[in-house]
Amino acid sequence: MNSAEQFKQSGYVIIRSLLDPDTTNRLYAYILSKAELGNKDDGQVPGSPSFYQDKEVVALQKKLLPSIEAHIQYPLLNVFCYHRVYKKGAILRSHKDSIRAEISVTINLGQRGEPWDIWLMDYDENAHKVALGPGDALIYQGSQLAHWRGKLEHADDVAQIMFHYVARNGKHTSAARWEFIGKIRKKYRELLGLAY
């Protein structure tokens, strides 16, 4: 079964080595170097610094879009990206993403310790454990499939990138437009010194 068939049948697909080792290592070092500047309480994983729309990650999301579309045979529209450095003891509770993240991609950049599995439920409510090595990606129906990570115990930190999309010709394209307006608002507030 090819990756597009797997995605259609189960709602997710694992892509090994979506990122080459040089890019993976460069981004891992970059993200760790600025981790302490991140938002340490975005309401989802307290104590694990996160970043919204970082310029390096935005550029990567744009660059990888054709490859991601090719893997799942699905036209996508970039909505937003995020990255986080999960710290030891972190827990990502079971959740589904908002419609702004109709289709999501998570990429492991690296960890100091053992890899940290992500779990998800397929369309038939079967739980699947997914182990991602550095550079590996999981593409999944973020707004339909519950996903989570148990307590991080065997690594001091794990760096992950999350890309979020909607179907280019789907019913949630307005989410991308509203996100764009939000990005402009955020930039304006930053310029005025009113926001992080």
N, C-alpha and C. Protein backbone atom coordinates (compact mmCIF):
# COMPACT_ATOMS: atom_id res chain seq x y z
N MET A 1 0.85 -1.18 0.00
CA MET A 1 0.00 0.00 0.00
C MET A 1 0.90 1.25 0.00
N ASN A 2 0.62 2.19 -0.91
CA ASN A 2 1.45 3.39 -0.93
C ASN A 2 0.98 4.38 0.13
N SER A 3 1.74 5.48 0.29
CA SER A 3 1.45 6.42 1.37
C SER A 3 0.09 7.09 1.21
N ALA A 4 -0.31 7.40 -0.01
CA ALA A 4 -1.61 8.05 -0.23
C ALA A 4 -2.75 7.10 0.14
N GLU A 5 -2.62 5.83 -0.21
CA GLU A 5 -3.65 4.85 0.14
C GLU A 5 -3.73 4.65 1.65
N GLN A 6 -2.57 4.60 2.30
CA GLN A 6 -2.52 4.46 3.76
C GLN A 6 -3.22 5.64 4.43
N PHE A 7 -2.93 6.85 3.94
CA PHE A 7 -3.54 8.05 4.51
C PHE A 7 -5.06 8.03 4.33
N LYS A 8 -5.51 7.65 3.15
CA LYS A 8 -6.95 7.61 2.88
C LYS A 8 -7.64 6.56 3.74
N GLN A 9 -7.01 5.41 3.90
CA GLN A 9 -7.64 4.31 4.63
C GLN A 9 -7.63 4.52 6.14
N SER A 10 -6.51 5.02 6.69
CA SER A 10 -6.35 5.09 8.15
C SER A 10 -6.39 6.50 8.72
N GLY A 11 -6.21 7.51 7.86
CA GLY A 11 -6.19 8.88 8.34
C GLY A 11 -4.82 9.36 8.76
N TYR A 12 -3.82 8.50 8.56
CA TYR A 12 -2.46 8.91 8.89
C TYR A 12 -1.46 8.10 8.08
N VAL A 13 -0.26 8.62 7.96
CA VAL A 13 0.83 7.90 7.31
C VAL A 13 2.16 8.40 7.90
N ILE A 14 3.09 7.49 8.03
CA ILE A 14 4.44 7.82 8.54
C ILE A 14 5.36 7.96 7.34
N ILE A 15 6.11 9.05 7.30
CA ILE A 15 7.08 9.28 6.23
C ILE A 15 8.46 9.32 6.87
N ARG A 16 9.26 8.31 6.58
CA ARG A 16 10.62 8.25 7.11
C ARG A 16 11.52 9.21 6.33
N SER A 17 12.38 9.91 7.07
CA SER A 17 13.39 10.81 6.48
C SER A 17 12.77 11.86 5.56
N LEU A 18 11.67 12.46 6.01
CA LEU A 18 11.11 13.59 5.25
C LEU A 18 12.13 14.72 5.20
N LEU A 19 12.86 14.90 6.30
CA LEU A 19 13.95 15.88 6.35
C LEU A 19 15.29 15.16 6.25
N ASP A 20 16.19 15.71 5.47
CA ASP A 20 17.54 15.13 5.38
C ASP A 20 18.30 15.40 6.68
N PRO A 21 19.33 14.61 6.97
CA PRO A 21 20.05 14.76 8.24
C PRO A 21 20.64 16.15 8.49
N ASP A 22 21.19 16.79 7.45
CA ASP A 22 21.78 18.13 7.64
C ASP A 22 20.72 19.15 8.08
N THR A 23 19.58 19.15 7.41
CA THR A 23 18.50 20.08 7.78
C THR A 23 17.97 19.77 9.17
N THR A 24 17.80 18.48 9.46
CA THR A 24 17.30 18.06 10.77
C THR A 24 18.24 18.53 11.88
N ASN A 25 19.54 18.28 11.73
CA ASN A 25 20.52 18.67 12.75
C ASN A 25 20.61 20.18 12.91
N ARG A 26 20.55 20.91 11.78
CA ARG A 26 20.62 22.37 11.84
C ARG A 26 19.42 22.94 12.59
N LEU A 27 18.23 22.45 12.27
CA LEU A 27 17.03 22.96 12.92
C LEU A 27 16.96 22.55 14.39
N TYR A 28 17.43 21.36 14.71
CA TYR A 28 17.46 20.91 16.10
C TYR A 28 18.34 21.85 16.94
N ALA A 29 19.53 22.15 16.43
CA ALA A 29 20.43 23.07 17.14
C ALA A 29 19.82 24.47 17.25
N TYR A 30 19.18 24.93 16.18
CA TYR A 30 18.56 26.24 16.15
C TYR A 30 17.45 26.34 17.20
N ILE A 31 16.59 25.33 17.23
CA ILE A 31 15.45 25.35 18.15
C ILE A 31 15.91 25.26 19.60
N LEU A 32 16.90 24.40 19.87
CA LEU A 32 17.41 24.32 21.24
C LEU A 32 18.05 25.62 21.69
N SER A 33 18.74 26.31 20.76
CA SER A 33 19.45 27.54 21.11
C SER A 33 18.51 28.66 21.56
N LYS A 34 17.28 28.62 21.11
CA LYS A 34 16.34 29.69 21.48
C LYS A 34 15.17 29.21 22.33
N ALA A 35 15.26 27.96 22.82
CA ALA A 35 14.14 27.38 23.55
C ALA A 35 13.70 28.21 24.74
N GLU A 36 14.63 28.79 25.46
CA GLU A 36 14.27 29.54 26.67
C GLU A 36 13.50 30.83 26.36
N LEU A 37 13.45 31.22 25.10
CA LEU A 37 12.70 32.42 24.71
C LEU A 37 11.24 32.10 24.38
N GLY A 38 10.91 30.83 24.34
CA GLY A 38 9.57 30.42 23.93
C GLY A 38 8.51 30.63 24.99
N ASN A 39 7.27 30.45 24.57
CA ASN A 39 6.11 30.52 25.45
C ASN A 39 6.08 29.25 26.29
N LYS A 40 6.25 29.39 27.60
CA LYS A 40 6.34 28.21 28.46
C LYS A 40 4.99 27.74 28.98
N ASP A 41 3.91 28.44 28.63
CA ASP A 41 2.59 27.97 29.04
C ASP A 41 1.56 28.41 28.01
N ASP A 42 1.48 27.63 26.94
CA ASP A 42 0.49 27.93 25.90
C ASP A 42 -0.83 27.23 26.18
N GLY A 43 -0.95 26.64 27.37
CA GLY A 43 -2.19 25.99 27.75
C GLY A 43 -2.26 24.53 27.40
N GLN A 44 -1.30 24.04 26.62
CA GLN A 44 -1.36 22.63 26.21
C GLN A 44 -0.33 21.78 26.95
N VAL A 45 0.93 22.24 27.00
CA VAL A 45 1.98 21.47 27.68
C VAL A 45 2.79 22.46 28.53
N PRO A 46 2.32 22.78 29.73
CA PRO A 46 3.02 23.74 30.58
C PRO A 46 4.48 23.34 30.82
N GLY A 47 5.36 24.35 30.75
CA GLY A 47 6.78 24.12 31.00
C GLY A 47 7.59 23.70 29.79
N SER A 48 6.93 23.47 28.66
CA SER A 48 7.63 23.09 27.43
C SER A 48 7.53 24.24 26.43
N PRO A 49 8.64 24.96 26.22
CA PRO A 49 8.61 26.17 25.39
C PRO A 49 8.12 25.91 23.97
N SER A 50 7.24 26.80 23.51
CA SER A 50 6.69 26.67 22.17
C SER A 50 6.82 27.99 21.41
N PHE A 51 6.79 27.86 20.10
CA PHE A 51 6.90 29.02 19.20
C PHE A 51 5.86 28.89 18.10
N TYR A 52 5.20 30.00 17.80
CA TYR A 52 4.21 30.08 16.74
C TYR A 52 4.81 30.87 15.58
N GLN A 53 4.76 30.31 14.38
CA GLN A 53 5.17 31.01 13.16
C GLN A 53 6.61 31.51 13.19
N ASP A 54 7.54 30.72 13.69
CA ASP A 54 8.96 31.06 13.63
C ASP A 54 9.39 31.12 12.17
N LYS A 55 10.19 32.12 11.80
CA LYS A 55 10.52 32.34 10.39
C LYS A 55 11.21 31.14 9.74
N GLU A 56 12.08 30.45 10.46
CA GLU A 56 12.77 29.28 9.89
C GLU A 56 11.77 28.15 9.64
N VAL A 57 10.84 27.96 10.55
CA VAL A 57 9.86 26.88 10.43
C VAL A 57 8.83 27.22 9.35
N VAL A 58 8.45 28.50 9.25
CA VAL A 58 7.54 28.94 8.18
C VAL A 58 8.16 28.64 6.82
N ALA A 59 9.45 28.96 6.66
CA ALA A 59 10.14 28.71 5.39
C ALA A 59 10.17 27.22 5.07
N LEU A 60 10.39 26.40 6.08
CA LEU A 60 10.41 24.95 5.87
C LEU A 60 9.03 24.44 5.50
N GLN A 61 7.99 24.96 6.15
CA GLN A 61 6.62 24.53 5.82
C GLN A 61 6.32 24.81 4.34
N LYS A 62 6.70 25.98 3.86
CA LYS A 62 6.48 26.32 2.45
C LYS A 62 7.27 25.40 1.53
N LYS A 63 8.53 25.14 1.92
CA LYS A 63 9.40 24.30 1.09
C LYS A 63 8.89 22.86 1.00
N LEU A 64 8.38 22.33 2.10
CA LEU A 64 7.96 20.93 2.13
C LEU A 64 6.54 20.69 1.63
N LEU A 65 5.78 21.74 1.41
CA LEU A 65 4.38 21.57 1.00
C LEU A 65 4.22 20.65 -0.22
N PRO A 66 4.97 20.84 -1.31
CA PRO A 66 4.79 19.94 -2.47
C PRO A 66 5.07 18.48 -2.14
N SER A 67 6.08 18.23 -1.32
CA SER A 67 6.42 16.86 -0.95
C SER A 67 5.32 16.24 -0.10
N ILE A 68 4.80 17.00 0.85
CA ILE A 68 3.72 16.49 1.71
C ILE A 68 2.47 16.20 0.88
N GLU A 69 2.14 17.12 -0.01
CA GLU A 69 0.98 16.90 -0.90
C GLU A 69 1.18 15.64 -1.75
N ALA A 70 2.39 15.44 -2.24
CA ALA A 70 2.67 14.27 -3.08
C ALA A 70 2.52 12.97 -2.29
N HIS A 71 2.95 12.98 -1.04
CA HIS A 71 2.85 11.76 -0.21
C HIS A 71 1.41 11.34 0.04
N ILE A 72 0.51 12.32 0.17
CA ILE A 72 -0.88 11.96 0.50
C ILE A 72 -1.85 12.18 -0.66
N GLN A 73 -1.33 12.72 -1.78
CA GLN A 73 -2.16 12.99 -2.96
C GLN A 73 -3.38 13.82 -2.58
N TYR A 74 -3.07 14.97 -1.93
CA TYR A 74 -4.12 15.81 -1.37
C TYR A 74 -3.65 17.26 -1.46
N PRO A 75 -4.38 18.14 -2.14
CA PRO A 75 -3.96 19.54 -2.23
C PRO A 75 -4.21 20.28 -0.91
N LEU A 76 -3.18 20.97 -0.41
CA LEU A 76 -3.25 21.59 0.91
C LEU A 76 -3.03 23.10 0.84
N LEU A 77 -3.49 23.76 1.88
CA LEU A 77 -3.29 25.19 2.06
C LEU A 77 -2.62 25.39 3.42
N ASN A 78 -1.43 26.02 3.42
CA ASN A 78 -0.75 26.30 4.68
C ASN A 78 -1.64 27.16 5.57
N VAL A 79 -1.75 26.81 6.85
CA VAL A 79 -2.49 27.63 7.80
C VAL A 79 -1.53 28.21 8.83
N PHE A 80 -0.85 27.36 9.59
CA PHE A 80 0.16 27.86 10.54
C PHE A 80 1.12 26.75 10.91
N CYS A 81 2.19 27.13 11.57
CA CYS A 81 3.16 26.15 12.06
C CYS A 81 3.55 26.51 13.49
N TYR A 82 4.13 25.53 14.13
CA TYR A 82 4.41 25.61 15.55
C TYR A 82 5.61 24.74 15.80
N HIS A 83 6.40 25.04 16.79
CA HIS A 83 7.36 24.05 17.26
C HIS A 83 7.49 24.16 18.76
N ARG A 84 7.93 23.05 19.34
CA ARG A 84 7.98 22.98 20.79
C ARG A 84 9.18 22.14 21.22
N VAL A 85 9.75 22.51 22.35
CA VAL A 85 10.76 21.68 22.99
C VAL A 85 10.10 21.10 24.24
N TYR A 86 9.69 19.85 24.13
CA TYR A 86 9.08 19.17 25.27
C TYR A 86 10.16 18.87 26.30
N LYS A 87 9.88 19.15 27.55
CA LYS A 87 10.83 18.92 28.64
C LYS A 87 10.44 17.66 29.41
N LYS A 88 11.43 17.06 30.05
CA LYS A 88 11.19 15.85 30.83
C LYS A 88 10.00 16.05 31.77
N GLY A 89 9.11 15.07 31.81
CA GLY A 89 7.90 15.16 32.62
C GLY A 89 6.69 15.68 31.87
N ALA A 90 6.90 16.16 30.63
CA ALA A 90 5.79 16.69 29.83
C ALA A 90 4.78 15.60 29.50
N ILE A 91 3.53 16.01 29.40
CA ILE A 91 2.45 15.12 28.96
C ILE A 91 1.62 15.87 27.93
N LEU A 92 1.41 15.26 26.78
CA LEU A 92 0.50 15.82 25.78
C LEU A 92 -0.79 15.02 25.89
N ARG A 93 -1.83 15.64 26.45
CA ARG A 93 -3.10 14.96 26.68
C ARG A 93 -3.80 14.64 25.36
N SER A 94 -4.63 13.63 25.38
CA SER A 94 -5.38 13.23 24.20
C SER A 94 -6.27 14.39 23.74
N HIS A 95 -6.21 14.68 22.46
CA HIS A 95 -7.02 15.78 21.91
C HIS A 95 -7.15 15.61 20.40
N LYS A 96 -8.07 16.36 19.84
CA LYS A 96 -8.17 16.54 18.40
C LYS A 96 -7.89 18.01 18.12
N ASP A 97 -7.28 18.28 16.99
CA ASP A 97 -6.96 19.65 16.64
C ASP A 97 -8.20 20.39 16.14
N SER A 98 -8.11 21.70 16.11
CA SER A 98 -9.21 22.51 15.58
C SER A 98 -9.27 22.36 14.06
N ILE A 99 -10.31 22.91 13.45
CA ILE A 99 -10.42 22.82 12.00
C ILE A 99 -9.31 23.58 11.29
N ARG A 100 -8.62 24.47 12.01
CA ARG A 100 -7.45 25.15 11.43
C ARG A 100 -6.33 24.16 11.15
N ALA A 101 -6.42 22.99 11.78
CA ALA A 101 -5.42 21.94 11.62
C ALA A 101 -6.10 20.67 11.12
N GLU A 102 -6.85 20.85 10.05
CA GLU A 102 -7.57 19.72 9.46
C GLU A 102 -6.60 18.57 9.17
N ILE A 103 -5.47 18.92 8.58
CA ILE A 103 -4.40 17.95 8.34
C ILE A 103 -3.14 18.50 8.99
N SER A 104 -2.49 17.65 9.78
CA SER A 104 -1.32 18.07 10.53
C SER A 104 -0.13 17.19 10.20
N VAL A 105 1.04 17.74 10.41
CA VAL A 105 2.29 17.01 10.24
C VAL A 105 3.14 17.29 11.47
N THR A 106 3.66 16.26 12.11
CA THR A 106 4.62 16.46 13.18
C THR A 106 5.93 15.81 12.75
N ILE A 107 7.02 16.54 12.95
CA ILE A 107 8.34 16.07 12.55
C ILE A 107 9.25 16.08 13.77
N ASN A 108 9.90 14.97 14.01
CA ASN A 108 10.87 14.89 15.10
C ASN A 108 12.20 15.47 14.62
N LEU A 109 12.74 16.43 15.38
CA LEU A 109 14.05 16.98 15.05
C LEU A 109 15.15 16.33 15.87
N GLY A 110 14.82 15.78 17.02
CA GLY A 110 15.83 15.13 17.85
C GLY A 110 15.45 15.18 19.31
N GLN A 111 16.24 14.49 20.10
CA GLN A 111 15.98 14.45 21.53
C GLN A 111 17.28 14.12 22.26
N ARG A 112 17.35 14.54 23.51
CA ARG A 112 18.46 14.15 24.37
C ARG A 112 17.92 13.02 25.24
N GLY A 113 18.10 11.80 24.76
CA GLY A 113 17.55 10.62 25.39
C GLY A 113 16.87 9.76 24.34
N GLU A 114 15.89 8.97 24.76
CA GLU A 114 15.19 8.06 23.86
C GLU A 114 14.07 8.79 23.11
N PRO A 115 13.73 8.29 21.90
CA PRO A 115 12.58 8.87 21.19
C PRO A 115 11.31 8.75 22.02
N TRP A 116 10.40 9.69 21.81
CA TRP A 116 9.15 9.76 22.57
C TRP A 116 8.00 9.47 21.62
N ASP A 117 7.32 8.36 21.84
CA ASP A 117 6.25 7.92 20.93
C ASP A 117 5.05 8.86 20.97
N ILE A 118 4.41 8.97 19.82
CA ILE A 118 3.12 9.63 19.74
C ILE A 118 2.08 8.54 19.46
N TRP A 119 0.92 8.68 20.05
CA TRP A 119 -0.17 7.74 19.86
C TRP A 119 -1.31 8.43 19.13
N LEU A 120 -2.04 7.64 18.33
CA LEU A 120 -3.24 8.19 17.72
C LEU A 120 -4.25 7.09 17.48
N MET A 121 -5.51 7.50 17.35
CA MET A 121 -6.61 6.58 17.06
C MET A 121 -6.90 6.68 15.56
N ASP A 122 -7.00 5.54 14.91
CA ASP A 122 -7.37 5.56 13.49
C ASP A 122 -8.89 5.72 13.35
N TYR A 123 -9.38 5.67 12.13
CA TYR A 123 -10.81 5.85 11.88
C TYR A 123 -11.67 4.80 12.58
N ASP A 124 -11.09 3.62 12.84
CA ASP A 124 -11.83 2.53 13.47
C ASP A 124 -11.62 2.48 14.99
N GLU A 125 -11.08 3.56 15.55
CA GLU A 125 -10.86 3.68 17.00
C GLU A 125 -9.81 2.70 17.53
N ASN A 126 -8.88 2.30 16.67
CA ASN A 126 -7.75 1.49 17.10
C ASN A 126 -6.58 2.41 17.44
N ALA A 127 -5.94 2.18 18.59
CA ALA A 127 -4.80 3.00 19.01
C ALA A 127 -3.53 2.49 18.34
N HIS A 128 -2.72 3.43 17.85
CA HIS A 128 -1.46 3.10 17.20
C HIS A 128 -0.34 3.90 17.84
N LYS A 129 0.75 3.21 18.16
CA LYS A 129 1.95 3.86 18.69
C LYS A 129 2.88 4.13 17.51
N VAL A 130 3.34 5.38 17.41
CA VAL A 130 4.20 5.78 16.31
C VAL A 130 5.53 6.28 16.88
N ALA A 131 6.61 5.65 16.48
CA ALA A 131 7.95 6.07 16.90
C ALA A 131 8.59 6.81 15.73
N LEU A 132 8.98 8.05 15.97
CA LEU A 132 9.61 8.86 14.94
C LEU A 132 11.06 9.12 15.30
N GLY A 133 11.97 8.81 14.40
CA GLY A 133 13.37 9.18 14.57
C GLY A 133 13.58 10.58 14.03
N PRO A 134 14.73 11.17 14.29
CA PRO A 134 15.01 12.51 13.75
C PRO A 134 14.83 12.56 12.23
N GLY A 135 14.05 13.53 11.78
CA GLY A 135 13.76 13.70 10.36
C GLY A 135 12.51 12.99 9.89
N ASP A 136 11.97 12.08 10.72
CA ASP A 136 10.74 11.36 10.35
C ASP A 136 9.51 12.22 10.63
N ALA A 137 8.45 11.96 9.86
CA ALA A 137 7.22 12.75 9.99
C ALA A 137 6.00 11.85 10.07
N LEU A 138 5.00 12.33 10.78
CA LEU A 138 3.68 11.72 10.82
C LEU A 138 2.71 12.73 10.22
N ILE A 139 2.02 12.33 9.15
CA ILE A 139 0.98 13.16 8.53
C ILE A 139 -0.35 12.53 8.94
N TYR A 140 -1.25 13.35 9.48
CA TYR A 140 -2.49 12.77 9.99
C TYR A 140 -3.65 13.77 9.94
N GLN A 141 -4.85 13.22 10.00
CA GLN A 141 -6.07 14.03 10.03
C GLN A 141 -6.21 14.59 11.44
N GLY A 142 -5.58 15.73 11.69
CA GLY A 142 -5.49 16.29 13.04
C GLY A 142 -6.81 16.64 13.68
N SER A 143 -7.78 17.07 12.88
CA SER A 143 -9.07 17.45 13.45
C SER A 143 -10.02 16.27 13.60
N GLN A 144 -9.62 15.10 13.09
CA GLN A 144 -10.49 13.92 13.19
C GLN A 144 -9.94 12.84 14.12
N LEU A 145 -8.62 12.71 14.20
CA LEU A 145 -8.02 11.62 14.96
C LEU A 145 -7.48 12.13 16.30
N ALA A 146 -7.94 11.52 17.39
CA ALA A 146 -7.39 11.85 18.70
C ALA A 146 -5.93 11.41 18.73
N HIS A 147 -5.07 12.25 19.33
CA HIS A 147 -3.65 11.93 19.42
C HIS A 147 -3.10 12.45 20.73
N TRP A 148 -2.04 11.82 21.21
CA TRP A 148 -1.49 12.14 22.52
C TRP A 148 -0.10 11.56 22.68
N ARG A 149 0.56 11.97 23.75
CA ARG A 149 1.85 11.39 24.14
C ARG A 149 1.80 11.16 25.64
N GLY A 150 2.22 9.98 26.09
CA GLY A 150 2.31 9.73 27.52
C GLY A 150 3.43 10.56 28.14
N LYS A 151 3.63 10.43 29.41
CA LYS A 151 4.61 11.24 30.13
C LYS A 151 6.02 11.02 29.57
N LEU A 152 6.72 12.11 29.32
CA LEU A 152 8.10 12.06 28.83
C LEU A 152 9.03 11.73 29.99
N GLU A 153 9.56 10.51 29.98
CA GLU A 153 10.38 10.05 31.09
C GLU A 153 11.80 9.69 30.71
N HIS A 154 12.04 9.36 29.44
CA HIS A 154 13.34 8.82 29.05
C HIS A 154 14.15 9.75 28.14
N ALA A 155 13.84 11.03 28.22
CA ALA A 155 14.62 12.04 27.49
C ALA A 155 14.52 13.35 28.26
N ASP A 156 15.58 14.14 28.20
CA ASP A 156 15.56 15.45 28.86
C ASP A 156 14.77 16.46 28.05
N ASP A 157 14.77 16.30 26.74
CA ASP A 157 13.95 17.15 25.88
C ASP A 157 13.73 16.47 24.54
N VAL A 158 12.68 16.86 23.87
CA VAL A 158 12.33 16.37 22.54
C VAL A 158 11.87 17.57 21.74
N ALA A 159 12.49 17.81 20.58
CA ALA A 159 12.13 18.96 19.73
C ALA A 159 11.26 18.48 18.58
N GLN A 160 10.10 19.09 18.44
CA GLN A 160 9.13 18.73 17.40
C GLN A 160 8.66 19.96 16.65
N ILE A 161 8.44 19.77 15.36
CA ILE A 161 7.79 20.78 14.52
C ILE A 161 6.39 20.28 14.20
N MET A 162 5.42 21.19 14.20
CA MET A 162 4.07 20.86 13.79
C MET A 162 3.63 21.82 12.67
N PHE A 163 3.24 21.26 11.54
CA PHE A 163 2.66 22.02 10.44
C PHE A 163 1.16 21.74 10.42
N HIS A 164 0.38 22.77 10.10
CA HIS A 164 -1.07 22.59 10.07
C HIS A 164 -1.63 23.14 8.76
N TYR A 165 -2.56 22.39 8.19
CA TYR A 165 -3.12 22.69 6.87
C TYR A 165 -4.63 22.47 6.86
N VAL A 166 -5.26 23.04 5.85
CA VAL A 166 -6.62 22.67 5.48
C VAL A 166 -6.57 22.22 4.01
N ALA A 167 -7.59 21.45 3.61
CA ALA A 167 -7.69 21.04 2.21
C ALA A 167 -7.86 22.29 1.35
N ARG A 168 -7.08 22.40 0.29
CA ARG A 168 -7.08 23.61 -0.54
C ARG A 168 -8.46 23.92 -1.11
N ASN A 169 -9.22 22.91 -1.48
CA ASN A 169 -10.54 23.13 -2.06
C ASN A 169 -11.65 22.64 -1.13
N GLY A 170 -11.35 22.57 0.16
CA GLY A 170 -12.30 22.02 1.11
C GLY A 170 -13.19 23.06 1.77
N LYS A 171 -13.92 22.61 2.77
CA LYS A 171 -14.90 23.48 3.43
C LYS A 171 -14.30 24.34 4.53
N HIS A 172 -13.01 24.16 4.84
CA HIS A 172 -12.40 24.92 5.93
C HIS A 172 -11.37 25.96 5.46
N THR A 173 -11.42 26.35 4.20
CA THR A 173 -10.43 27.31 3.70
C THR A 173 -10.55 28.67 4.41
N SER A 174 -11.74 28.98 4.93
CA SER A 174 -11.90 30.25 5.66
C SER A 174 -11.02 30.28 6.91
N ALA A 175 -10.71 29.10 7.47
CA ALA A 175 -9.83 29.04 8.64
C ALA A 175 -8.45 29.59 8.29
N ALA A 176 -7.98 29.32 7.08
CA ALA A 176 -6.69 29.84 6.65
C ALA A 176 -6.74 31.36 6.51
N ARG A 177 -7.85 31.88 5.99
CA ARG A 177 -7.98 33.35 5.86
C ARG A 177 -8.00 34.02 7.22
N TRP A 178 -8.75 33.46 8.19
CA TRP A 178 -8.81 34.04 9.53
C TRP A 178 -7.46 33.96 10.23
N GLU A 179 -6.74 32.87 9.98
CA GLU A 179 -5.40 32.73 10.57
C GLU A 179 -4.48 33.81 10.01
N PHE A 180 -4.59 34.08 8.71
CA PHE A 180 -3.77 35.11 8.08
C PHE A 180 -4.06 36.48 8.71
N ILE A 181 -5.33 36.78 8.92
CA ILE A 181 -5.70 38.05 9.57
C ILE A 181 -5.12 38.11 10.98
N GLY A 182 -5.17 36.99 11.70
CA GLY A 182 -4.59 36.93 13.04
C GLY A 182 -3.10 37.16 13.03
N LYS A 183 -2.40 36.64 12.01
CA LYS A 183 -0.95 36.83 11.90
C LYS A 183 -0.63 38.31 11.67
N ILE A 184 -1.42 38.97 10.84
CA ILE A 184 -1.21 40.40 10.58
C ILE A 184 -1.44 41.19 11.87
N ARG A 185 -2.51 40.87 12.58
CA ARG A 185 -2.81 41.54 13.85
C ARG A 185 -1.66 41.37 14.86
N LYS A 186 -1.16 40.14 14.95
CA LYS A 186 -0.06 39.84 15.88
C LYS A 186 1.19 40.64 15.51
N LYS A 187 1.51 40.69 14.21
CA LYS A 187 2.69 41.44 13.76
C LYS A 187 2.54 42.93 14.08
N TYR A 188 1.35 43.47 13.87
CA TYR A 188 1.08 44.88 14.16
C TYR A 188 1.27 45.16 15.65
N ARG A 189 0.75 44.27 16.50
CA ARG A 189 0.90 44.45 17.95
C ARG A 189 2.36 44.35 18.37
N GLU A 190 3.12 43.45 17.72
CA GLU A 190 4.54 43.34 18.03
C GLU A 190 5.27 44.63 17.66
N LEU A 191 4.92 45.18 16.50
CA LEU A 191 5.56 46.43 16.07
C LEU A 191 5.28 47.58 17.04
N LEU A 192 4.11 47.55 17.65
CA LEU A 192 3.73 48.58 18.62
C LEU A 192 4.26 48.27 20.02
N GLY A 193 4.90 47.08 20.17
CA GLY A 193 5.41 46.69 21.47
C GLY A 193 4.34 46.24 22.45
N LEU A 194 3.21 45.75 21.90
CA LEU A 194 2.07 45.37 22.76
C LEU A 194 1.94 43.87 22.96
N ALA A 195 2.73 43.08 22.24
CA ALA A 195 2.54 41.62 22.33
C ALA A 195 3.86 40.90 22.24
N TYR A 196 3.86 39.67 22.71
CA TYR A 196 5.02 38.77 22.62
C TYR A 196 5.32 38.46 21.19
